Amino acid sequence: MLIAKRCLLWDWTNSGATGVPWAMDKVALGSGHLISSVANWNAWVPPELKGRAPYRPMVRTEGQLAGQDWTSVTNTNEQIIHFFNEPERQGITVEKAVEHWNNQMVPLRTKRGKKLVSPSCANDANGQAWIKKFIDQTQGSSPDYLGLHYYGTDGDQAIAFIESMHNKYPKHPIIVSEIASTSRDKKEVVEFTAKTVNWMDQTGYIFEYGFFGCMRKLADGFVSPAAQLMNGDGTFTDLMNKLMYEQPMKV
């Protein structure tokens, strides 16, 4: 039986005249496929998606809470909306985030029936402290999903971290909105990916997960070239093909 929990993290630079929008047509995507949704860290739908799968809008920063981005969020027909991407690293206080959450995000649920993802924080001590305060301060308007990020080199440690977050917040299904190995060794990257993918596919409280990332260039010096899902010319790496076609994933 197919378990479709994989979200394609499609970089926004892939869209448009200077991008590789044609590559989306090459993605095994949507009904009957392992990749069942798409996100691009923005509020606008990649035109090249062409309605083939659900899109996950994101209020990535405070900037998306106004203007055209906010109009896109409020008018979207999509059902799940992400709120803030690593806010603890953007200098957004928990108190300010809770204010935005209650004033703007929660009405999307009460008035429009949307499901809301908590801010997705980094898997370090600062990120864990930030999300704990946020969950504690939104008891009356709790998120529908707990958003998590995980970067590291050990698949067992990744699983242990996700399990620990579930144990802390057992009422919230989890969306791992970013995960990847940071090892520079391709074999280690595949081992990390296979171990975590196969566990997440079989774990009931994991609603969805997305591997970072489908983009032509490295986002920064932290992420691993060996974990890229797209080559510089817009074609897909072996790891991307495994995410599209393998269940269980093989080492």
C-alpha atoms as a PDB file:
ATOM      1  CA  MET A   1       0.000   0.000   0.000  1.00  0.00           C
ATOM      2  CA  LEU A   2       1.378   3.397  -1.024  1.00  0.00           C
ATOM      3  CA  ILE A   3       2.124   5.779   1.848  1.00  0.00           C
ATOM      4  CA  ALA A   4       2.235   9.300   0.391  1.00  0.00           C
ATOM      5  CA  LYS A   5       3.717  11.699   2.951  1.00  0.00           C
ATOM      6  CA  ARG A   6       6.512  13.320   0.946  1.00  0.00           C
ATOM      7  CA  CYS A   7       6.428  17.052   0.235  1.00  0.00           C
ATOM      8  CA  LEU A   8       8.573  18.462  -2.571  1.00  0.00           C
ATOM      9  CA  LEU A   9      10.593  21.457  -1.354  1.00  0.00           C
ATOM     10  CA  TRP A  10      10.723  23.315  -4.659  1.00  0.00           C
ATOM     11  CA  ASP A  11      12.930  26.377  -4.507  1.00  0.00           C
ATOM     12  CA  TRP A  12      11.273  29.577  -5.699  1.00  0.00           C
ATOM     13  CA  THR A  13      14.216  30.237  -8.047  1.00  0.00           C
ATOM     14  CA  ASN A  14      13.101  27.236 -10.118  1.00  0.00           C
ATOM     15  CA  SER A  15      10.067  29.249 -11.241  1.00  0.00           C
ATOM     16  CA  GLY A  16       9.968  32.001 -13.854  1.00  0.00           C
ATOM     17  CA  ALA A  17      11.929  32.885 -16.971  1.00  0.00           C
ATOM     18  CA  THR A  18      15.344  32.458 -15.341  1.00  0.00           C
ATOM     19  CA  GLY A  19      14.388  29.198 -13.652  1.00  0.00           C
ATOM     20  CA  VAL A  20      13.752  25.629 -14.733  1.00  0.00           C
ATOM     21  CA  PRO A  21       9.960  25.431 -14.552  1.00  0.00           C
ATOM     22  CA  TRP A  22       9.992  22.595 -17.096  1.00  0.00           C
ATOM     23  CA  ALA A  23      11.590  20.384 -14.442  1.00  0.00           C
ATOM     24  CA  MET A  24       8.319  20.253 -12.494  1.00  0.00           C
ATOM     25  CA  ASP A  25       6.824  18.250 -15.339  1.00  0.00           C
ATOM     26  CA  LYS A  26       9.470  15.598 -14.662  1.00  0.00           C
ATOM     27  CA  VAL A  27       8.430  15.143 -11.020  1.00  0.00           C
ATOM     28  CA  ALA A  28       6.432  12.005 -10.198  1.00  0.00           C
ATOM     29  CA  LEU A  29       3.825  13.910  -8.252  1.00  0.00           C
ATOM     30  CA  GLY A  30       0.300  13.789  -6.900  1.00  0.00           C
ATOM     31  CA  SER A  31      -2.254  10.988  -6.830  1.00  0.00           C
ATOM     32  CA  GLY A  32      -0.636   7.570  -7.044  1.00  0.00           C
ATOM     33  CA  HIS A  33       2.859   8.886  -6.281  1.00  0.00           C
ATOM     34  CA  LEU A  34       5.023   9.111  -3.170  1.00  0.00           C
ATOM     35  CA  ILE A  35       5.428  12.897  -3.448  1.00  0.00           C
ATOM     36  CA  SER A  36       1.998  14.243  -2.621  1.00  0.00           C
ATOM     37  CA  SER A  37       2.443  18.000  -2.031  1.00  0.00           C
ATOM     38  CA  VAL A  38       4.699  20.956  -2.885  1.00  0.00           C
ATOM     39  CA  ALA A  39       6.100  23.908  -0.895  1.00  0.00           C
ATOM     40  CA  ASN A  40       8.357  26.785  -1.975  1.00  0.00           C
ATOM     41  CA  TRP A  41       8.725  28.820   1.264  1.00  0.00           C
ATOM     42  CA  ASN A  42       6.342  31.414  -0.190  1.00  0.00           C
ATOM     43  CA  ALA A  43       2.683  32.348  -0.375  1.00  0.00           C
ATOM     44  CA  TRP A  44       2.387  32.078  -4.178  1.00  0.00           C
ATOM     45  CA  VAL A  45       1.818  28.861  -6.053  1.00  0.00           C
ATOM     46  CA  PRO A  46       4.507  27.886  -8.579  1.00  0.00           C
ATOM     47  CA  PRO A  47       2.674  28.234 -11.912  1.00  0.00           C
ATOM     48  CA  GLU A  48       4.421  25.126 -13.200  1.00  0.00           C
ATOM     49  CA  LEU A  49       2.656  23.011 -10.546  1.00  0.00           C
ATOM     50  CA  LYS A  50      -0.474  23.203 -12.750  1.00  0.00           C
ATOM     51  CA  GLY A  51      -2.738  21.881 -10.006  1.00  0.00           C
ATOM     52  CA  ARG A  52      -1.125  18.441 -10.012  1.00  0.00           C
ATOM     53  CA  ALA A  53      -0.825  18.285  -6.193  1.00  0.00           C
ATOM     54  CA  PRO A  54      -1.724  20.319  -3.099  1.00  0.00           C
ATOM     55  CA  TYR A  55       0.444  23.357  -2.441  1.00  0.00           C
ATOM     56  CA  ARG A  56       1.563  24.404   1.057  1.00  0.00           C
ATOM     57  CA  PRO A  57       1.555  28.221   1.398  1.00  0.00           C
ATOM     58  CA  MET A  58       3.937  29.627   4.001  1.00  0.00           C
ATOM     59  CA  VAL A  59       3.932  32.831   6.001  1.00  0.00           C
ATOM     60  CA  ARG A  60       7.720  32.581   6.189  1.00  0.00           C
ATOM     61  CA  THR A  61       8.442  35.963   7.825  1.00  0.00           C
ATOM     62  CA  GLU A  62       6.501  38.931   9.150  1.00  0.00           C
ATOM     63  CA  GLY A  63       6.716  40.351   5.623  1.00  0.00           C
ATOM     64  CA  GLN A  64       4.150  37.798   4.401  1.00  0.00           C
ATOM     65  CA  LEU A  65       1.572  39.122   6.872  1.00  0.00           C
ATOM     66  CA  ALA A  66       0.803  42.129   4.641  1.00  0.00           C
ATOM     67  CA  GLY A  67       0.532  43.107   0.998  1.00  0.00           C
ATOM     68  CA  GLN A  68       0.146  40.725  -1.926  1.00  0.00           C
ATOM     69  CA  ASP A  69       1.567  37.773   0.003  1.00  0.00           C
ATOM     70  CA  TRP A  70      -1.079  38.091   2.711  1.00  0.00           C
ATOM     71  CA  THR A  71      -3.772  38.503   0.072  1.00  0.00           C
ATOM     72  CA  SER A  72      -2.561  35.246  -1.495  1.00  0.00           C
ATOM     73  CA  VAL A  73      -2.709  33.492   1.870  1.00  0.00           C
ATOM     74  CA  THR A  74      -6.182  34.734   2.737  1.00  0.00           C
ATOM     75  CA  ASN A  75      -7.560  33.874  -0.708  1.00  0.00           C
ATOM     76  CA  THR A  76      -5.938  30.468  -1.094  1.00  0.00           C
ATOM     77  CA  ASN A  77      -8.010  27.349  -1.661  1.00  0.00           C
ATOM     78  CA  GLU A  78      -5.234  25.242  -0.152  1.00  0.00           C
ATOM     79  CA  GLN A  79      -6.073  23.617   3.163  1.00  0.00           C
ATOM     80  CA  ILE A  80      -2.794  23.663   5.136  1.00  0.00           C
ATOM     81  CA  ILE A  81      -0.823  26.847   5.853  1.00  0.00           C
ATOM     82  CA  HIS A  82       2.637  27.066   7.416  1.00  0.00           C
ATOM     83  CA  PHE A  83       3.533  29.854   9.859  1.00  0.00           C
ATOM     84  CA  PHE A  84       7.086  31.211  10.268  1.00  0.00           C
ATOM     85  CA  ASN A  85      10.313  29.509   9.249  1.00  0.00           C
ATOM     86  CA  GLU A  86      12.928  29.399  12.035  1.00  0.00           C
ATOM     87  CA  PRO A  87      11.598  32.575  13.692  1.00  0.00           C
ATOM     88  CA  GLU A  88      14.139  32.281  16.504  1.00  0.00           C
ATOM     89  CA  ARG A  89      16.851  32.997  13.910  1.00  0.00           C
ATOM     90  CA  GLN A  90      14.930  35.937  12.449  1.00  0.00           C
ATOM     91  CA  GLY A  91      14.739  37.783  15.752  1.00  0.00           C
ATOM     92  CA  ILE A  92      10.979  37.288  16.060  1.00  0.00           C
ATOM     93  CA  THR A  93       9.997  37.033  19.717  1.00  0.00           C
ATOM     94  CA  VAL A  94       7.541  34.410  20.882  1.00  0.00           C
ATOM     95  CA  GLU A  95       5.239  37.166  22.141  1.00  0.00           C
ATOM     96  CA  LYS A  96       5.148  38.876  18.737  1.00  0.00           C
ATOM     97  CA  ALA A  97       4.585  35.552  16.987  1.00  0.00           C
ATOM     98  CA  VAL A  98       1.689  34.706  19.312  1.00  0.00           C
ATOM     99  CA  GLU A  99       0.162  38.120  18.607  1.00  0.00           C
ATOM    100  CA  HIS A 100       0.334  37.532  14.846  1.00  0.00           C
ATOM    101  CA  TRP A 101      -0.930  33.984  15.310  1.00  0.00           C
ATOM    102  CA  ASN A 102      -4.034  35.004  17.235  1.00  0.00           C
ATOM    103  CA  ASN A 103      -4.786  38.120  15.174  1.00  0.00           C
ATOM    104  CA  GLN A 104      -4.190  36.793  11.661  1.00  0.00           C
ATOM    105  CA  MET A 105      -3.578  33.053  11.489  1.00  0.00           C
ATOM    106  CA  VAL A 106      -6.267  31.694  13.794  1.00  0.00           C
ATOM    107  CA  PRO A 107      -9.060  33.537  11.893  1.00  0.00           C
ATOM    108  CA  LEU A 108      -7.993  31.578   8.796  1.00  0.00           C
ATOM    109  CA  ARG A 109      -9.045  28.475  10.719  1.00  0.00           C
ATOM    110  CA  THR A 110     -12.157  29.788  12.430  1.00  0.00           C
ATOM    111  CA  LYS A 111     -13.528  31.643   9.405  1.00  0.00           C
ATOM    112  CA  ARG A 112     -12.138  29.656   6.465  1.00  0.00           C
ATOM    113  CA  GLY A 113     -11.548  26.168   7.848  1.00  0.00           C
ATOM    114  CA  LYS A 114      -7.785  26.104   7.250  1.00  0.00           C
ATOM    115  CA  LYS A 115      -5.376  23.837   9.113  1.00  0.00           C
ATOM    116  CA  LEU A 116      -2.390  25.638  10.634  1.00  0.00           C
ATOM    117  CA  VAL A 117       1.205  24.498  11.105  1.00  0.00           C
ATOM    118  CA  SER A 118       3.162  25.890  14.033  1.00  0.00           C
ATOM    119  CA  PRO A 119       6.391  27.778  13.407  1.00  0.00           C
ATOM    120  CA  SER A 120       9.118  25.346  12.333  1.00  0.00           C
ATOM    121  CA  CYS A 121      12.200  25.918  14.471  1.00  0.00           C
ATOM    122  CA  ALA A 122      15.722  24.564  14.169  1.00  0.00           C
ATOM    123  CA  ASN A 123      16.592  21.411  16.100  1.00  0.00           C
ATOM    124  CA  ASP A 124      18.978  23.178  18.468  1.00  0.00           C
ATOM    125  CA  ALA A 125      18.457  24.348  22.044  1.00  0.00           C
ATOM    126  CA  ASN A 126      17.283  27.819  21.001  1.00  0.00           C
ATOM    127  CA  GLY A 127      14.750  26.379  18.577  1.00  0.00           C
ATOM    128  CA  GLN A 128      13.381  23.939  21.157  1.00  0.00           C
ATOM    129  CA  ALA A 129      13.086  26.658  23.792  1.00  0.00           C
ATOM    130  CA  TRP A 130      11.308  28.990  21.360  1.00  0.00           C
ATOM    131  CA  ILE A 131       8.703  26.456  20.238  1.00  0.00           C
ATOM    132  CA  LYS A 132       8.017  25.367  23.831  1.00  0.00           C
ATOM    133  CA  LYS A 133       7.131  28.934  24.768  1.00  0.00           C
ATOM    134  CA  PHE A 134       4.984  29.274  21.652  1.00  0.00           C
ATOM    135  CA  ILE A 135       3.006  26.096  22.369  1.00  0.00           C
ATOM    136  CA  ASP A 136       2.631  27.085  26.025  1.00  0.00           C
ATOM    137  CA  GLN A 137       1.273  30.514  25.046  1.00  0.00           C
ATOM    138  CA  THR A 138      -1.207  29.228  22.429  1.00  0.00           C
ATOM    139  CA  GLN A 139      -3.051  26.679  24.546  1.00  0.00           C
ATOM    140  CA  GLY A 140      -6.411  28.155  23.594  1.00  0.00           C
ATOM    141  CA  SER A 141      -5.543  28.429  19.897  1.00  0.00           C
ATOM    142  CA  SER A 142      -3.203  25.515  19.437  1.00  0.00           C
ATOM    143  CA  PRO A 143      -1.705  24.619  16.025  1.00  0.00           C
ATOM    144  CA  ASP A 144      -3.187  21.730  14.076  1.00  0.00           C
ATOM    145  CA  TYR A 145       0.312  20.448  13.291  1.00  0.00           C
ATOM    146  CA  LEU A 146       3.710  20.779  14.938  1.00  0.00           C
ATOM    147  CA  GLY A 147       6.296  21.918  12.399  1.00  0.00           C
ATOM    148  CA  LEU A 148       9.886  20.675  12.825  1.00  0.00           C
ATOM    149  CA  HIS A 149      13.263  21.050  11.130  1.00  0.00           C
ATOM    150  CA  TYR A 150      16.110  18.576  11.441  1.00  0.00           C
ATOM    151  CA  TYR A 151      19.632  18.725  10.052  1.00  0.00           C
ATOM    152  CA  GLY A 152      22.419  16.382  11.113  1.00  0.00           C
ATOM    153  CA  THR A 153      24.407  13.322  10.106  1.00  0.00           C
ATOM    154  CA  ASP A 154      22.974  10.518  12.226  1.00  0.00           C
ATOM    155  CA  GLY A 155      19.613   9.039  11.265  1.00  0.00           C
ATOM    156  CA  ASP A 156      19.081   7.483  14.697  1.00  0.00           C
ATOM    157  CA  GLN A 157      19.588  10.867  16.331  1.00  0.00           C
ATOM    158  CA  ALA A 158      17.095  12.431  13.916  1.00  0.00           C
ATOM    159  CA  ILE A 159      14.498   9.821  14.822  1.00  0.00           C
ATOM    160  CA  ALA A 160      15.208  10.271  18.535  1.00  0.00           C
ATOM    161  CA  PHE A 161      14.742  14.041  18.207  1.00  0.00           C
ATOM    162  CA  ILE A 162      11.400  13.692  16.410  1.00  0.00           C
ATOM    163  CA  GLU A 163      10.247  11.097  18.960  1.00  0.00           C
ATOM    164  CA  SER A 164      11.211  13.430  21.804  1.00  0.00           C
ATOM    165  CA  MET A 165       9.222  16.280  20.274  1.00  0.00           C
ATOM    166  CA  HIS A 166       6.209  14.003  19.853  1.00  0.00           C
ATOM    167  CA  ASN A 167       6.487  12.957  23.490  1.00  0.00           C
ATOM    168  CA  LYS A 168       6.520  16.616  24.547  1.00  0.00           C
ATOM    169  CA  TYR A 169       3.562  17.557  22.323  1.00  0.00           C
ATOM    170  CA  PRO A 170       1.611  14.323  21.765  1.00  0.00           C
ATOM    171  CA  LYS A 171      -1.608  16.044  20.692  1.00  0.00           C
ATOM    172  CA  HIS A 172      -0.017  17.490  17.551  1.00  0.00           C
ATOM    173  CA  PRO A 173       0.588  15.455  14.391  1.00  0.00           C
ATOM    174  CA  ILE A 174       4.025  16.373  13.062  1.00  0.00           C
ATOM    175  CA  ILE A 175       5.065  17.943   9.768  1.00  0.00           C
ATOM    176  CA  VAL A 176       8.826  17.759   9.316  1.00  0.00           C
ATOM    177  CA  SER A 177       8.947  20.725   6.982  1.00  0.00           C
ATOM    178  CA  GLU A 178      12.714  20.478   6.420  1.00  0.00           C
ATOM    179  CA  ILE A 179      15.062  17.568   6.952  1.00  0.00           C
ATOM    180  CA  ALA A 180      18.393  16.555   5.411  1.00  0.00           C
ATOM    181  CA  SER A 181      21.752  15.015   6.119  1.00  0.00           C
ATOM    182  CA  THR A 182      24.608  17.491   6.393  1.00  0.00           C
ATOM    183  CA  SER A 183      27.260  14.829   5.756  1.00  0.00           C
ATOM    184  CA  ARG A 184      29.501  15.459   2.755  1.00  0.00           C
ATOM    185  CA  ASP A 185      29.741  11.719   2.124  1.00  0.00           C
ATOM    186  CA  LYS A 186      27.165  10.483  -0.413  1.00  0.00           C
ATOM    187  CA  LYS A 187      26.893   7.012   1.146  1.00  0.00           C
ATOM    188  CA  GLU A 188      26.206   8.520   4.570  1.00  0.00           C
ATOM    189  CA  VAL A 189      23.597  10.852   3.068  1.00  0.00           C
ATOM    190  CA  VAL A 190      21.740   7.934   1.476  1.00  0.00           C
ATOM    191  CA  GLU A 191      21.888   5.953   4.727  1.00  0.00           C
ATOM    192  CA  PHE A 192      20.511   8.908   6.718  1.00  0.00           C
ATOM    193  CA  THR A 193      17.773   9.536   4.165  1.00  0.00           C
ATOM    194  CA  ALA A 194      16.694   5.900   3.878  1.00  0.00           C
ATOM    195  CA  LYS A 195      16.608   5.376   7.643  1.00  0.00           C
ATOM    196  CA  THR A 196      14.550   8.493   8.349  1.00  0.00           C
ATOM    197  CA  VAL A 197      12.262   8.138   5.309  1.00  0.00           C
ATOM    198  CA  ASN A 198      11.380   4.541   6.103  1.00  0.00           C
ATOM    199  CA  TRP A 199      10.727   5.348   9.742  1.00  0.00           C
ATOM    200  CA  MET A 200       8.609   8.433   8.978  1.00  0.00           C
ATOM    201  CA  ASP A 201       6.564   6.530   6.393  1.00  0.00           C
ATOM    202  CA  GLN A 202       5.668   3.946   9.040  1.00  0.00           C
ATOM    203  CA  THR A 203       5.100   6.364  11.947  1.00  0.00           C
ATOM    204  CA  GLY A 204       1.457   7.323  12.360  1.00  0.00           C
ATOM    205  CA  TYR A 205       1.973  10.716  13.987  1.00  0.00           C
ATOM    206  CA  ILE A 206       4.130  11.949  11.095  1.00  0.00           C
ATOM    207  CA  PHE A 207       1.686  13.621   8.717  1.00  0.00           C
ATOM    208  CA  GLU A 208       4.178  14.877   6.125  1.00  0.00           C
ATOM    209  CA  TYR A 209       7.879  15.537   5.570  1.00  0.00           C
ATOM    210  CA  GLY A 210      10.065  17.362   3.068  1.00  0.00           C
ATOM    211  CA  PHE A 211      13.724  16.792   2.229  1.00  0.00           C
ATOM    212  CA  PHE A 212      15.859  19.839   1.532  1.00  0.00           C
ATOM    213  CA  GLY A 213      15.992  20.707  -1.214  1.00  0.00           C
ATOM    214  CA  CYS A 214      15.142  20.783  -4.892  1.00  0.00           C
ATOM    215  CA  MET A 215      17.286  23.689  -6.112  1.00  0.00           C
ATOM    216  CA  ARG A 216      20.089  24.232  -8.596  1.00  0.00           C
ATOM    217  CA  LYS A 217      22.533  25.914  -6.217  1.00  0.00           C
ATOM    218  CA  LEU A 218      23.449  25.267  -2.601  1.00  0.00           C
ATOM    219  CA  ALA A 219      21.423  27.475  -0.297  1.00  0.00           C
ATOM    220  CA  ASP A 220      24.426  28.102   1.957  1.00  0.00           C
ATOM    221  CA  GLY A 221      27.599  26.501   3.269  1.00  0.00           C
ATOM    222  CA  PHE A 222      25.734  24.509   5.921  1.00  0.00           C
ATOM    223  CA  VAL A 223      23.778  22.211   3.630  1.00  0.00           C
ATOM    224  CA  SER A 224      25.550  19.338   1.905  1.00  0.00           C
ATOM    225  CA  PRO A 225      26.229  19.108  -1.838  1.00  0.00           C
ATOM    226  CA  ALA A 226      25.740  15.358  -1.448  1.00  0.00           C
ATOM    227  CA  ALA A 227      22.151  15.900  -0.263  1.00  0.00           C
ATOM    228  CA  GLN A 228      21.032  18.090  -3.182  1.00  0.00           C
ATOM    229  CA  LEU A 229      17.964  16.884  -5.062  1.00  0.00           C
ATOM    230  CA  MET A 230      18.612  18.894  -8.233  1.00  0.00           C
ATOM    231  CA  ASN A 231      21.673  19.357 -10.412  1.00  0.00           C
ATOM    232  CA  GLY A 232      22.791  22.737 -11.719  1.00  0.00           C
ATOM    233  CA  ASP A 233      21.089  22.129 -15.062  1.00  0.00           C
ATOM    234  CA  GLY A 234      17.686  21.356 -13.528  1.00  0.00           C
ATOM    235  CA  THR A 235      17.903  17.585 -13.845  1.00  0.00           C
ATOM    236  CA  PHE A 236      17.373  15.447 -10.762  1.00  0.00           C
ATOM    237  CA  THR A 237      19.985  13.737  -8.634  1.00  0.00           C
ATOM    238  CA  ASP A 238      19.930  10.052  -7.717  1.00  0.00           C
ATOM    239  CA  LEU A 239      18.640  11.010  -4.257  1.00  0.00           C
ATOM    240  CA  MET A 240      15.668  12.831  -5.773  1.00  0.00           C
ATOM    241  CA  ASN A 241      14.861   9.788  -7.870  1.00  0.00           C
ATOM    242  CA  LYS A 242      14.915   7.628  -4.760  1.00  0.00           C
ATOM    243  CA  LEU A 243      12.490  10.004  -3.035  1.00  0.00           C
ATOM    244  CA  MET A 244      10.192   9.889  -6.052  1.00  0.00           C
ATOM    245  CA  TYR A 245      10.158   6.162  -6.614  1.00  0.00           C
ATOM    246  CA  GLU A 246      11.376   4.062  -3.679  1.00  0.00           C
ATOM    247  CA  GLN A 247       9.261   2.783  -0.796  1.00  0.00           C
ATOM    248  CA  PRO A 248      10.824   1.438   1.274  1.00  0.00           C
ATOM    249  CA  MET A 249      13.915   3.401   0.317  1.00  0.00           C
ATOM    250  CA  LYS A 250      16.977   1.269  -0.315  1.00  0.00           C
ATOM    251  CA  VAL A 251      20.532   2.012   0.807  1.00  0.00           C
END
